[in-house]
Amino acid sequence: MKLFDIISNGDVYFIAEMSGNHGGSLEKAMEIVAAASVAGADCLKLQTYTADTITIDCDSSDFQTLKGLWQGRTLYDLYKEAYTPWEWQGEIKSECERLGMDFLSSVFDPTSVDFLESIGCEAYKIASPELVDIPLIEYAASKGKPMVISCGMGTVEEIQDAVDACHRMNNDQIVLLKCTSEYPAVYADMNIATMADMRERFGCTVGLSDHSMGWTVDVAAAALGASVIEKHFCITRAEETVDSAFSMDCEEFKSMIEAVRCARDAVGHVTYERTPREEENIAGRRSLYAVAPIHIGDTFTNENTRSIRPAHGLASKHLPKLLGKTARRDIPFGSPIRQEDLDS
């Protein structure tokens, strides 16, 4: 798995989340895998659950989504539609590997961990709602694989509990993702400054699991040091699935990667050295020039000497020292003032 290789090189690791965007079609799922590869994703992510492993078939109000994108549906009905059949997942993983992408899946109970172990999954994702399922986190972490943990809705104490659970299993390969559990998330609720605090507070690699539209937040996250960015991915939002409304298509994902990398490059490192390109433009600075003919014996004044562009003359900071001195040579209009004029 190239997750930590990419991060250690200072690059951003991009995860394309398929979720339920396959719409129940293996053919569509494979199309999404291919499109994610074309878009430049480093990893394709699934979710490994069934309706019965994640909830129960009950239509009481406790088990209904009362508002938002999935309003009026029971959890069981929603997850029955959205789940990715487990018999597909080994095939999807093989196709990811053939295309040079990592494969990752969210786990929701011990049976999903066991299944993913059986197909050689190299890392585990903990979704935001499972952040508080400490026994599940311990079980997944006990496999010794990298743990990518989304922290949506999480308090400081809850995130610390999850991190501690991994440490108890002697697993320090932890990536924490700042997440806002809204679908789609609005910018004012993102608070991605928290991501940088998470890195310092918990001593972990951090990134962003982003449900907002566009890639503005992802660029900002890159500027704040995100090492991982996860976005939901689909072929087209015109084909409605459970998650398509807040997913990116191939071209958008590709553009997001380019924008994030540009932002990361622009942040760079702390330096006060001029770049080679700046050196080429250094002549565009200001310096002291004769703006009227100056003859031997003339006094340097604000009328005959000014700080102007370009920078082939004496540095502008010396103007106060030069004024009032007597010229020891003829200086034609448009000629640079030299160090010898200051020293005379």
C-alpha atoms as a PDB file:
ATOM      1  CA  MET A   1       0.000   0.000   0.000  1.00  0.00           C
ATOM      2  CA  LYS A   2       1.372   3.394  -0.979  1.00  0.00           C
ATOM      3  CA  LEU A   3      -0.465   5.481   1.647  1.00  0.00           C
ATOM      4  CA  PHE A   4       2.483   6.274   3.894  1.00  0.00           C
ATOM      5  CA  ASP A   5       4.980   6.355   1.012  1.00  0.00           C
ATOM      6  CA  ILE A   6       3.019   9.203  -0.558  1.00  0.00           C
ATOM      7  CA  ILE A   7       2.562  11.021   2.749  1.00  0.00           C
ATOM      8  CA  SER A   8       6.232  10.670   3.691  1.00  0.00           C
ATOM      9  CA  ASN A   9       7.191  12.329   0.399  1.00  0.00           C
ATOM     10  CA  GLY A  10       5.137  15.357   1.388  1.00  0.00           C
ATOM     11  CA  ASP A  11       2.410  14.637  -1.157  1.00  0.00           C
ATOM     12  CA  VAL A  12      -1.356  14.343  -0.683  1.00  0.00           C
ATOM     13  CA  TYR A  13      -3.032  10.933  -0.853  1.00  0.00           C
ATOM     14  CA  PHE A  14      -6.377  11.062  -2.692  1.00  0.00           C
ATOM     15  CA  ILE A  15      -9.203   8.635  -1.881  1.00  0.00           C
ATOM     16  CA  ALA A  16     -12.191   8.225  -4.202  1.00  0.00           C
ATOM     17  CA  GLU A  17     -15.152   6.941  -2.184  1.00  0.00           C
ATOM     18  CA  MET A  18     -17.500   4.799  -4.279  1.00  0.00           C
ATOM     19  CA  SER A  19     -20.000   4.186  -1.485  1.00  0.00           C
ATOM     20  CA  GLY A  20     -23.404   3.338  -3.012  1.00  0.00           C
ATOM     21  CA  ASN A  21     -22.828   5.162  -6.286  1.00  0.00           C
ATOM     22  CA  HIS A  22     -22.710   1.846  -8.158  1.00  0.00           C
ATOM     23  CA  GLY A  23     -26.491   1.743  -7.823  1.00  0.00           C
ATOM     24  CA  GLY A  24     -26.478  -2.010  -7.310  1.00  0.00           C
ATOM     25  CA  SER A  25     -24.604  -2.761 -10.540  1.00  0.00           C
ATOM     26  CA  LEU A  26     -21.222  -4.507 -10.592  1.00  0.00           C
ATOM     27  CA  GLU A  27     -20.704  -3.188 -14.113  1.00  0.00           C
ATOM     28  CA  LYS A  28     -21.230   0.366 -12.838  1.00  0.00           C
ATOM     29  CA  ALA A  29     -18.906  -0.328  -9.909  1.00  0.00           C
ATOM     30  CA  MET A  30     -16.151  -1.375 -12.294  1.00  0.00           C
ATOM     31  CA  GLU A  31     -16.809   1.715 -14.405  1.00  0.00           C
ATOM     32  CA  ILE A  32     -16.329   3.834 -11.290  1.00  0.00           C
ATOM     33  CA  VAL A  33     -13.042   2.055 -10.504  1.00  0.00           C
ATOM     34  CA  ALA A  34     -11.756   2.795 -14.011  1.00  0.00           C
ATOM     35  CA  ALA A  35     -12.896   6.424 -13.840  1.00  0.00           C
ATOM     36  CA  ALA A  36     -11.240   6.919 -10.442  1.00  0.00           C
ATOM     37  CA  SER A  37      -7.974   5.670 -11.915  1.00  0.00           C
ATOM     38  CA  VAL A  38      -8.278   8.072 -14.857  1.00  0.00           C
ATOM     39  CA  ALA A  39      -9.043  10.912 -12.432  1.00  0.00           C
ATOM     40  CA  GLY A  40      -5.764  10.248 -10.584  1.00  0.00           C
ATOM     41  CA  ALA A  41      -7.061   8.742  -7.352  1.00  0.00           C
ATOM     42  CA  ASP A  42      -4.469   6.933  -5.257  1.00  0.00           C
ATOM     43  CA  CYS A  43      -7.115   4.774  -3.625  1.00  0.00           C
ATOM     44  CA  LEU A  44     -10.647   3.502  -4.271  1.00  0.00           C
ATOM     45  CA  LYS A  45     -12.746   3.065  -1.142  1.00  0.00           C
ATOM     46  CA  LEU A  46     -15.801   0.922  -0.453  1.00  0.00           C
ATOM     47  CA  GLN A  47     -17.962   0.266   2.587  1.00  0.00           C
ATOM     48  CA  THR A  48     -18.232  -3.306   3.842  1.00  0.00           C
ATOM     49  CA  TYR A  49     -21.556  -3.953   5.531  1.00  0.00           C
ATOM     50  CA  THR A  50     -24.977  -5.413   4.921  1.00  0.00           C
ATOM     51  CA  ALA A  51     -28.243  -3.953   6.138  1.00  0.00           C
ATOM     52  CA  ASP A  52     -28.266  -6.655   8.836  1.00  0.00           C
ATOM     53  CA  THR A  53     -24.710  -6.016  10.064  1.00  0.00           C
ATOM     54  CA  ILE A  54     -25.195  -2.268  10.383  1.00  0.00           C
ATOM     55  CA  THR A  55     -28.761  -1.990  11.753  1.00  0.00           C
ATOM     56  CA  ILE A  56     -32.003  -3.949  12.149  1.00  0.00           C
ATOM     57  CA  ASP A  57     -35.166  -4.118  10.063  1.00  0.00           C
ATOM     58  CA  CYS A  58     -37.371  -1.897  12.216  1.00  0.00           C
ATOM     59  CA  ASP A  59     -39.627   0.942  11.126  1.00  0.00           C
ATOM     60  CA  SER A  60     -40.005   2.727  14.460  1.00  0.00           C
ATOM     61  CA  SER A  61     -39.041   6.403  14.566  1.00  0.00           C
ATOM     62  CA  ASP A  62     -35.634   5.524  16.034  1.00  0.00           C
ATOM     63  CA  PHE A  63     -34.758   3.777  12.777  1.00  0.00           C
ATOM     64  CA  GLN A  64     -36.018   6.405  10.337  1.00  0.00           C
ATOM     65  CA  THR A  65     -34.142   9.308   8.777  1.00  0.00           C
ATOM     66  CA  LEU A  66     -36.292  12.269   9.716  1.00  0.00           C
ATOM     67  CA  LYS A  67     -34.610  14.972   7.643  1.00  0.00           C
ATOM     68  CA  GLY A  68     -31.922  15.628   5.061  1.00  0.00           C
ATOM     69  CA  LEU A  69     -31.098  13.865   1.824  1.00  0.00           C
ATOM     70  CA  TRP A  70     -32.640  10.528   2.877  1.00  0.00           C
ATOM     71  CA  GLN A  71     -35.678  11.873   4.740  1.00  0.00           C
ATOM     72  CA  GLY A  72     -38.500   9.393   5.291  1.00  0.00           C
ATOM     73  CA  ARG A  73     -36.508   6.197   4.765  1.00  0.00           C
ATOM     74  CA  THR A  74     -35.752   3.532   7.315  1.00  0.00           C
ATOM     75  CA  LEU A  75     -32.102   2.856   7.981  1.00  0.00           C
ATOM     76  CA  TYR A  76     -32.542  -0.758   6.940  1.00  0.00           C
ATOM     77  CA  ASP A  77     -34.086   0.183   3.597  1.00  0.00           C
ATOM     78  CA  LEU A  78     -31.404   2.800   2.941  1.00  0.00           C
ATOM     79  CA  TYR A  79     -28.487   0.477   3.698  1.00  0.00           C
ATOM     80  CA  LYS A  80     -30.047  -2.386   1.766  1.00  0.00           C
ATOM     81  CA  GLU A  81     -29.963  -0.157  -1.307  1.00  0.00           C
ATOM     82  CA  ALA A  82     -26.564   1.419  -0.656  1.00  0.00           C
ATOM     83  CA  TYR A  83     -24.459  -1.589   0.342  1.00  0.00           C
ATOM     84  CA  THR A  84     -21.797  -3.107  -1.895  1.00  0.00           C
ATOM     85  CA  PRO A  85     -22.262  -6.887  -2.162  1.00  0.00           C
ATOM     86  CA  TRP A  86     -19.338  -8.606  -0.467  1.00  0.00           C
ATOM     87  CA  GLU A  87     -18.929 -11.035  -3.352  1.00  0.00           C
ATOM     88  CA  TRP A  88     -17.974  -8.078  -5.578  1.00  0.00           C
ATOM     89  CA  GLN A  89     -15.284  -6.703  -3.315  1.00  0.00           C
ATOM     90  CA  GLY A  90     -12.458  -9.121  -4.067  1.00  0.00           C
ATOM     91  CA  GLU A  91     -12.972  -8.488  -7.778  1.00  0.00           C
ATOM     92  CA  ILE A  92     -13.056  -4.729  -7.240  1.00  0.00           C
ATOM     93  CA  LYS A  93      -9.874  -4.929  -5.155  1.00  0.00           C
ATOM     94  CA  SER A  94      -8.107  -6.898  -7.912  1.00  0.00           C
ATOM     95  CA  GLU A  95      -9.131  -4.322 -10.516  1.00  0.00           C
ATOM     96  CA  CYS A  96      -7.862  -1.491  -8.313  1.00  0.00           C
ATOM     97  CA  GLU A  97      -4.512  -3.225  -8.005  1.00  0.00           C
ATOM     98  CA  ARG A  98      -4.350  -3.867 -11.748  1.00  0.00           C
ATOM     99  CA  LEU A  99      -4.861  -0.133 -12.318  1.00  0.00           C
ATOM    100  CA  GLY A 100      -2.247   0.842  -9.719  1.00  0.00           C
ATOM    101  CA  MET A 101      -4.651   2.054  -7.048  1.00  0.00           C
ATOM    102  CA  ASP A 102      -4.866   1.066  -3.408  1.00  0.00           C
ATOM    103  CA  PHE A 103      -8.055  -0.536  -2.118  1.00  0.00           C
ATOM    104  CA  LEU A 104      -9.649   0.533   1.157  1.00  0.00           C
ATOM    105  CA  SER A 105     -12.949  -0.183   2.847  1.00  0.00           C
ATOM    106  CA  SER A 106     -14.838   1.029   5.887  1.00  0.00           C
ATOM    107  CA  VAL A 107     -15.614  -1.634   8.474  1.00  0.00           C
ATOM    108  CA  PHE A 108     -18.775  -1.698  10.563  1.00  0.00           C
ATOM    109  CA  ASP A 109     -18.597  -4.876  12.631  1.00  0.00           C
ATOM    110  CA  PRO A 110     -16.106  -7.706  13.295  1.00  0.00           C
ATOM    111  CA  THR A 111     -17.467  -9.818  10.419  1.00  0.00           C
ATOM    112  CA  SER A 112     -16.563  -7.074   7.932  1.00  0.00           C
ATOM    113  CA  VAL A 113     -13.015  -6.971   9.333  1.00  0.00           C
ATOM    114  CA  ASP A 114     -12.750 -10.739   9.032  1.00  0.00           C
ATOM    115  CA  PHE A 115     -14.029 -10.675   5.469  1.00  0.00           C
ATOM    116  CA  LEU A 116     -11.609  -7.946   4.405  1.00  0.00           C
ATOM    117  CA  GLU A 117      -8.775  -9.853   6.045  1.00  0.00           C
ATOM    118  CA  SER A 118      -9.714 -12.853   3.899  1.00  0.00           C
ATOM    119  CA  ILE A 119      -9.247 -10.844   0.691  1.00  0.00           C
ATOM    120  CA  GLY A 120      -5.993  -9.229   1.819  1.00  0.00           C
ATOM    121  CA  CYS A 121      -7.148  -5.700   2.604  1.00  0.00           C
ATOM    122  CA  GLU A 122      -4.100  -3.629   3.595  1.00  0.00           C
ATOM    123  CA  ALA A 123      -5.786  -0.889   5.654  1.00  0.00           C
ATOM    124  CA  TYR A 124      -9.056  -0.162   7.413  1.00  0.00           C
ATOM    125  CA  LYS A 125     -11.332   2.859   7.447  1.00  0.00           C
ATOM    126  CA  ILE A 126     -13.498   3.797  10.393  1.00  0.00           C
ATOM    127  CA  ALA A 127     -16.481   5.905   9.369  1.00  0.00           C
ATOM    128  CA  SER A 128     -17.517   8.869  11.509  1.00  0.00           C
ATOM    129  CA  PRO A 129     -20.570   7.177  13.094  1.00  0.00           C
ATOM    130  CA  GLU A 130     -18.330   4.274  14.177  1.00  0.00           C
ATOM    131  CA  LEU A 131     -15.823   6.623  15.876  1.00  0.00           C
ATOM    132  CA  VAL A 132     -17.455   5.760  19.202  1.00  0.00           C
ATOM    133  CA  ASP A 133     -17.443   1.969  18.632  1.00  0.00           C
ATOM    134  CA  ILE A 134     -14.251   1.342  20.578  1.00  0.00           C
ATOM    135  CA  PRO A 135     -14.458  -2.487  20.484  1.00  0.00           C
ATOM    136  CA  LEU A 136     -14.709  -2.339  16.674  1.00  0.00           C
ATOM    137  CA  ILE A 137     -11.739   0.029  16.450  1.00  0.00           C
ATOM    138  CA  GLU A 138      -9.679  -2.209  18.726  1.00  0.00           C
ATOM    139  CA  TYR A 139     -10.518  -5.266  16.660  1.00  0.00           C
ATOM    140  CA  ALA A 140      -9.619  -3.594  13.362  1.00  0.00           C
ATOM    141  CA  ALA A 141      -6.458  -2.068  14.832  1.00  0.00           C
ATOM    142  CA  SER A 142      -5.386  -5.449  16.184  1.00  0.00           C
ATOM    143  CA  LYS A 143      -4.765  -6.592  12.597  1.00  0.00           C
ATOM    144  CA  GLY A 144      -1.737  -4.304  12.449  1.00  0.00           C
ATOM    145  CA  LYS A 145      -2.866  -2.431   9.340  1.00  0.00           C
ATOM    146  CA  PRO A 146      -3.064   1.366   8.863  1.00  0.00           C
ATOM    147  CA  MET A 147      -6.192   2.876  10.418  1.00  0.00           C
ATOM    148  CA  VAL A 148      -7.896   5.785   8.655  1.00  0.00           C
ATOM    149  CA  ILE A 149     -10.442   7.269  11.050  1.00  0.00           C
ATOM    150  CA  SER A 150     -13.049   9.878  10.149  1.00  0.00           C
ATOM    151  CA  CYS A 151     -13.875  12.148  13.076  1.00  0.00           C
ATOM    152  CA  GLY A 152     -17.213  13.674  12.090  1.00  0.00           C
ATOM    153  CA  MET A 153     -19.346  14.564  15.143  1.00  0.00           C
ATOM    154  CA  GLY A 154     -16.401  13.637  17.361  1.00  0.00           C
ATOM    155  CA  THR A 155     -15.490  15.486  20.529  1.00  0.00           C
ATOM    156  CA  VAL A 156     -11.898  15.749  21.702  1.00  0.00           C
ATOM    157  CA  GLU A 157     -12.554  12.987  24.206  1.00  0.00           C
ATOM    158  CA  GLU A 158     -14.147  10.675  21.614  1.00  0.00           C
ATOM    159  CA  ILE A 159     -11.293  11.140  19.158  1.00  0.00           C
ATOM    160  CA  GLN A 160      -8.774  10.513  21.924  1.00  0.00           C
ATOM    161  CA  ASP A 161     -10.629   7.326  22.880  1.00  0.00           C
ATOM    162  CA  ALA A 162     -10.334   6.083  19.282  1.00  0.00           C
ATOM    163  CA  VAL A 163      -6.630   6.919  19.104  1.00  0.00           C
ATOM    164  CA  ASP A 164      -6.023   5.247  22.465  1.00  0.00           C
ATOM    165  CA  ALA A 165      -7.854   2.141  21.242  1.00  0.00           C
ATOM    166  CA  CYS A 166      -5.388   1.835  18.366  1.00  0.00           C
ATOM    167  CA  HIS A 167      -2.418   2.372  20.670  1.00  0.00           C
ATOM    168  CA  ARG A 168      -3.656  -0.347  23.018  1.00  0.00           C
ATOM    169  CA  MET A 169      -3.409  -2.724  20.080  1.00  0.00           C
ATOM    170  CA  ASN A 170       0.193  -1.506  19.463  1.00  0.00           C
ATOM    171  CA  ASN A 171      -0.974   0.149  16.258  1.00  0.00           C
ATOM    172  CA  ASP A 172       0.441   3.628  15.669  1.00  0.00           C
ATOM    173  CA  GLN A 173      -0.392   3.780  11.941  1.00  0.00           C
ATOM    174  CA  ILE A 174      -3.227   6.261  12.410  1.00  0.00           C
ATOM    175  CA  VAL A 175      -4.625   8.874  10.029  1.00  0.00           C
ATOM    176  CA  LEU A 176      -7.341  11.143  11.439  1.00  0.00           C
ATOM    177  CA  LEU A 177      -9.683  12.808   8.960  1.00  0.00           C
ATOM    178  CA  LYS A 178     -11.507  16.012   9.852  1.00  0.00           C
ATOM    179  CA  CYS A 179     -15.068  15.479   8.709  1.00  0.00           C
ATOM    180  CA  THR A 180     -18.345  17.359   8.897  1.00  0.00           C
ATOM    181  CA  SER A 181     -21.172  14.831   8.950  1.00  0.00           C
ATOM    182  CA  GLU A 182     -23.558  16.754   6.707  1.00  0.00           C
ATOM    183  CA  TYR A 183     -24.644  15.618   3.247  1.00  0.00           C
ATOM    184  CA  PRO A 184     -23.707  17.863   1.552  1.00  0.00           C
ATOM    185  CA  ALA A 185     -21.720  19.874   4.087  1.00  0.00           C
ATOM    186  CA  VAL A 186     -21.927  23.675   4.024  1.00  0.00           C
ATOM    187  CA  TYR A 187     -18.714  25.699   4.095  1.00  0.00           C
ATOM    188  CA  ALA A 188     -19.584  27.607   7.268  1.00  0.00           C
ATOM    189  CA  ASP A 189     -19.769  24.322   9.181  1.00  0.00           C
ATOM    190  CA  MET A 190     -16.476  22.840   7.965  1.00  0.00           C
ATOM    191  CA  ASN A 191     -14.094  24.440  10.514  1.00  0.00           C
ATOM    192  CA  ILE A 192     -11.069  22.827   8.906  1.00  0.00           C
ATOM    193  CA  ALA A 193      -8.731  24.818  11.134  1.00  0.00           C
ATOM    194  CA  THR A 194      -9.566  21.995  13.553  1.00  0.00           C
ATOM    195  CA  MET A 195      -7.618  19.625  11.300  1.00  0.00           C
ATOM    196  CA  ALA A 196      -4.318  21.333  12.073  1.00  0.00           C
ATOM    197  CA  ASP A 197      -5.138  21.265  15.781  1.00  0.00           C
ATOM    198  CA  MET A 198      -5.865  17.525  15.526  1.00  0.00           C
ATOM    199  CA  ARG A 199      -2.369  16.918  14.188  1.00  0.00           C
ATOM    200  CA  GLU A 200      -0.799  18.663  17.181  1.00  0.00           C
ATOM    201  CA  ARG A 201      -3.264  17.454  19.804  1.00  0.00           C
ATOM    202  CA  PHE A 202      -3.297  13.758  18.901  1.00  0.00           C
ATOM    203  CA  GLY A 203       0.127  13.394  17.281  1.00  0.00           C
ATOM    204  CA  CYS A 204      -1.293  11.780  14.143  1.00  0.00           C
ATOM    205  CA  THR A 205      -1.207  12.320  10.415  1.00  0.00           C
ATOM    206  CA  VAL A 206      -4.324  14.272   9.446  1.00  0.00           C
ATOM    207  CA  GLY A 207      -6.477  14.880   6.420  1.00  0.00           C
ATOM    208  CA  LEU A 208      -9.995  15.695   5.302  1.00  0.00           C
ATOM    209  CA  SER A 209     -13.044  13.607   4.505  1.00  0.00           C
ATOM    210  CA  ASP A 210     -15.045  16.162   2.566  1.00  0.00           C
ATOM    211  CA  HIS A 211     -18.765  16.111   1.815  1.00  0.00           C
ATOM    212  CA  SER A 212     -18.944  19.711   0.560  1.00  0.00           C
ATOM    213  CA  MET A 213     -19.510  20.583  -3.064  1.00  0.00           C
ATOM    214  CA  GLY A 214     -16.560  21.600  -5.241  1.00  0.00           C
ATOM    215  CA  TRP A 215     -12.964  21.618  -4.070  1.00  0.00           C
ATOM    216  CA  THR A 216     -12.577  24.977  -2.323  1.00  0.00           C
ATOM    217  CA  VAL A 217     -12.385  23.291   1.073  1.00  0.00           C
ATOM    218  CA  ASP A 218      -9.893  20.709  -0.198  1.00  0.00           C
ATOM    219  CA  VAL A 219      -7.533  23.440  -1.418  1.00  0.00           C
ATOM    220  CA  ALA A 220      -7.801  25.156   1.958  1.00  0.00           C
ATOM    221  CA  ALA A 221      -7.132  21.847   3.708  1.00  0.00           C
ATOM    222  CA  ALA A 222      -4.022  21.306   1.600  1.00  0.00           C
ATOM    223  CA  ALA A 223      -2.787  24.748   2.636  1.00  0.00           C
ATOM    224  CA  LEU A 224      -3.315  23.737   6.262  1.00  0.00           C
ATOM    225  CA  GLY A 225      -1.286  20.556   5.832  1.00  0.00           C
ATOM    226  CA  ALA A 226      -3.783  17.826   4.897  1.00  0.00           C
ATOM    227  CA  SER A 227      -1.981  14.631   3.952  1.00  0.00           C
ATOM    228  CA  VAL A 228      -5.124  12.756   2.866  1.00  0.00           C
ATOM    229  CA  ILE A 229      -8.230  13.961   1.058  1.00  0.00           C
ATOM    230  CA  GLU A 230     -11.285  11.767   0.604  1.00  0.00           C
ATOM    231  CA  LYS A 231     -14.202  12.677  -1.679  1.00  0.00           C
ATOM    232  CA  HIS A 232     -17.255  10.718  -2.782  1.00  0.00           C
ATOM    233  CA  PHE A 233     -16.931   9.757  -6.441  1.00  0.00           C
ATOM    234  CA  CYS A 234     -19.450   8.935  -9.167  1.00  0.00           C
ATOM    235  CA  ILE A 235     -19.653   8.727 -12.949  1.00  0.00           C
ATOM    236  CA  THR A 236     -22.238  11.493 -13.141  1.00  0.00           C
ATOM    237  CA  ARG A 237     -24.624  13.162 -10.689  1.00  0.00           C
ATOM    238  CA  ALA A 238     -27.273  12.960 -13.404  1.00  0.00           C
ATOM    239  CA  GLU A 239     -27.615   9.254 -12.510  1.00  0.00           C
ATOM    240  CA  GLU A 240     -29.141   9.526  -9.059  1.00  0.00           C
ATOM    241  CA  THR A 241     -27.921   7.124  -6.395  1.00  0.00           C
ATOM    242  CA  VAL A 242     -27.948   7.384  -2.617  1.00  0.00           C
ATOM    243  CA  ASP A 243     -24.738   9.476  -2.542  1.00  0.00           C
ATOM    244  CA  SER A 244     -24.528  11.025  -6.012  1.00  0.00           C
ATOM    245  CA  ALA A 245     -25.864  14.428  -4.884  1.00  0.00           C
ATOM    246  CA  PHE A 246     -22.620  15.206  -3.002  1.00  0.00           C
ATOM    247  CA  SER A 247     -20.167  13.226  -5.146  1.00  0.00           C
ATOM    248  CA  MET A 248     -17.562  14.351  -7.701  1.00  0.00           C
ATOM    249  CA  ASP A 249     -17.351  13.095 -11.247  1.00  0.00           C
ATOM    250  CA  CYS A 250     -14.096  12.183 -12.972  1.00  0.00           C
ATOM    251  CA  GLU A 251     -13.273  15.610 -14.407  1.00  0.00           C
ATOM    252  CA  GLU A 252     -14.092  17.348 -11.139  1.00  0.00           C
ATOM    253  CA  PHE A 253     -11.921  14.942  -9.179  1.00  0.00           C
ATOM    254  CA  LYS A 254      -9.074  15.442 -11.622  1.00  0.00           C
ATOM    255  CA  SER A 255      -9.400  19.234 -11.342  1.00  0.00           C
ATOM    256  CA  MET A 256      -9.542  18.968  -7.558  1.00  0.00           C
ATOM    257  CA  ILE A 257      -6.269  17.016  -7.489  1.00  0.00           C
ATOM    258  CA  GLU A 258      -4.584  19.623  -9.684  1.00  0.00           C
ATOM    259  CA  ALA A 259      -5.861  22.490  -7.525  1.00  0.00           C
ATOM    260  CA  VAL A 260      -4.803  20.781  -4.300  1.00  0.00           C
ATOM    261  CA  ARG A 261      -1.320  20.083  -5.625  1.00  0.00           C
ATOM    262  CA  CYS A 262      -0.967  23.691  -6.755  1.00  0.00           C
ATOM    263  CA  ALA A 263      -2.021  24.861  -3.299  1.00  0.00           C
ATOM    264  CA  ARG A 264       0.436  22.483  -1.634  1.00  0.00           C
ATOM    265  CA  ASP A 265       3.237  23.694  -3.907  1.00  0.00           C
ATOM    266  CA  ALA A 266       2.326  27.302  -3.191  1.00  0.00           C
ATOM    267  CA  VAL A 267       2.548  26.811   0.577  1.00  0.00           C
ATOM    268  CA  GLY A 268       6.055  25.423   0.168  1.00  0.00           C
ATOM    269  CA  HIS A 269       8.405  26.108   3.070  1.00  0.00           C
ATOM    270  CA  VAL A 270       9.633  29.115   5.043  1.00  0.00           C
ATOM    271  CA  THR A 271      12.364  30.898   3.093  1.00  0.00           C
ATOM    272  CA  TYR A 272      13.615  34.421   2.529  1.00  0.00           C
ATOM    273  CA  GLU A 273      15.872  33.437  -0.337  1.00  0.00           C
ATOM    274  CA  ARG A 274      15.045  34.714  -3.807  1.00  0.00           C
ATOM    275  CA  THR A 275      14.006  32.097  -6.314  1.00  0.00           C
ATOM    276  CA  PRO A 276      15.950  31.808  -9.591  1.00  0.00           C
ATOM    277  CA  ARG A 277      13.019  33.433 -11.395  1.00  0.00           C
ATOM    278  CA  GLU A 278      13.018  36.303  -8.909  1.00  0.00           C
ATOM    279  CA  GLU A 279      16.739  36.795  -9.554  1.00  0.00           C
ATOM    280  CA  GLU A 280      15.911  37.247 -13.228  1.00  0.00           C
ATOM    281  CA  ASN A 281      13.501  40.045 -12.276  1.00  0.00           C
ATOM    282  CA  ILE A 282      15.710  41.805  -9.728  1.00  0.00           C
ATOM    283  CA  ALA A 283      16.421  44.618 -12.199  1.00  0.00           C
ATOM    284  CA  GLY A 284      12.771  45.574 -11.965  1.00  0.00           C
ATOM    285  CA  ARG A 285      13.360  47.075  -8.530  1.00  0.00           C
ATOM    286  CA  ARG A 286      13.974  50.773  -7.860  1.00  0.00           C
ATOM    287  CA  SER A 287      17.335  52.526  -7.558  1.00  0.00           C
ATOM    288  CA  LEU A 288      18.768  56.030  -7.749  1.00  0.00           C
ATOM    289  CA  TYR A 289      18.984  57.757 -11.142  1.00  0.00           C
ATOM    290  CA  ALA A 290      19.761  61.195 -12.487  1.00  0.00           C
ATOM    291  CA  VAL A 291      16.390  62.574 -13.601  1.00  0.00           C
ATOM    292  CA  ALA A 292      18.031  65.778 -14.888  1.00  0.00           C
ATOM    293  CA  PRO A 293      21.580  66.416 -16.163  1.00  0.00           C
ATOM    294  CA  ILE A 294      23.996  66.658 -13.231  1.00  0.00           C
ATOM    295  CA  HIS A 295      27.322  68.449 -13.798  1.00  0.00           C
ATOM    296  CA  ILE A 296      30.532  68.420 -11.815  1.00  0.00           C
ATOM    297  CA  GLY A 297      30.034  70.679  -8.809  1.00  0.00           C
ATOM    298  CA  ASP A 298      26.222  70.371  -8.788  1.00  0.00           C
ATOM    299  CA  THR A 299      24.480  69.388  -5.581  1.00  0.00           C
ATOM    300  CA  PHE A 300      22.417  66.223  -5.483  1.00  0.00           C
ATOM    301  CA  THR A 301      18.794  67.272  -4.861  1.00  0.00           C
ATOM    302  CA  ASN A 302      15.316  65.779  -5.021  1.00  0.00           C
ATOM    303  CA  GLU A 303      14.914  67.601  -8.338  1.00  0.00           C
ATOM    304  CA  ASN A 304      17.850  65.952 -10.112  1.00  0.00           C
ATOM    305  CA  THR A 305      17.980  62.577  -8.307  1.00  0.00           C
ATOM    306  CA  ARG A 306      15.119  60.168  -7.657  1.00  0.00           C
ATOM    307  CA  SER A 307      14.357  56.594  -6.731  1.00  0.00           C
ATOM    308  CA  ILE A 308      12.871  55.035  -9.863  1.00  0.00           C
ATOM    309  CA  ARG A 309      12.808  51.752 -11.733  1.00  0.00           C
ATOM    310  CA  PRO A 310      15.023  49.957 -12.874  1.00  0.00           C
ATOM    311  CA  ALA A 311      17.588  48.791 -10.315  1.00  0.00           C
ATOM    312  CA  HIS A 312      20.924  49.375 -12.053  1.00  0.00           C
ATOM    313  CA  GLY A 313      21.840  52.282  -9.802  1.00  0.00           C
ATOM    314  CA  LEU A 314      22.680  52.846  -6.156  1.00  0.00           C
ATOM    315  CA  ALA A 315      20.164  51.334  -3.708  1.00  0.00           C
ATOM    316  CA  SER A 316      17.293  53.711  -2.931  1.00  0.00           C
ATOM    317  CA  LYS A 317      17.929  53.548   0.820  1.00  0.00           C
ATOM    318  CA  HIS A 318      21.032  55.739   0.289  1.00  0.00           C
ATOM    319  CA  LEU A 319      19.094  58.746  -1.063  1.00  0.00           C
ATOM    320  CA  PRO A 320      19.042  60.680   2.270  1.00  0.00           C
ATOM    321  CA  LYS A 321      22.847  60.346   2.523  1.00  0.00           C
ATOM    322  CA  LEU A 322      23.353  61.396  -1.099  1.00  0.00           C
ATOM    323  CA  LEU A 323      21.250  64.567  -0.980  1.00  0.00           C
ATOM    324  CA  GLY A 324      23.377  67.637  -0.380  1.00  0.00           C
ATOM    325  CA  LYS A 325      26.603  66.048  -1.591  1.00  0.00           C
ATOM    326  CA  THR A 326      28.532  67.579  -4.509  1.00  0.00           C
ATOM    327  CA  ALA A 327      28.854  65.702  -7.788  1.00  0.00           C
ATOM    328  CA  ARG A 328      32.464  64.826  -8.722  1.00  0.00           C
ATOM    329  CA  ARG A 329      31.538  63.852 -12.285  1.00  0.00           C
ATOM    330  CA  ASP A 330      29.084  64.666 -15.015  1.00  0.00           C
ATOM    331  CA  ILE A 331      26.024  62.400 -14.813  1.00  0.00           C
ATOM    332  CA  PRO A 332      23.780  62.554 -17.890  1.00  0.00           C
ATOM    333  CA  PHE A 333      19.998  62.409 -17.631  1.00  0.00           C
ATOM    334  CA  GLY A 334      18.829  58.810 -17.232  1.00  0.00           C
ATOM    335  CA  SER A 335      22.171  57.578 -15.875  1.00  0.00           C
ATOM    336  CA  PRO A 336      22.425  55.523 -12.689  1.00  0.00           C
ATOM    337  CA  ILE A 337      23.920  56.976  -9.539  1.00  0.00           C
ATOM    338  CA  ARG A 338      26.877  54.863  -8.421  1.00  0.00           C
ATOM    339  CA  GLN A 339      28.535  54.062  -5.127  1.00  0.00           C
ATOM    340  CA  GLU A 340      31.405  56.422  -6.023  1.00  0.00           C
ATOM    341  CA  ASP A 341      28.934  59.332  -6.065  1.00  0.00           C
ATOM    342  CA  LEU A 342      27.920  58.573  -2.485  1.00  0.00           C
ATOM    343  CA  ASP A 343      31.508  58.142  -1.334  1.00  0.00           C
ATOM    344  CA  SER A 344      32.730  61.385  -2.922  1.00  0.00           C
END
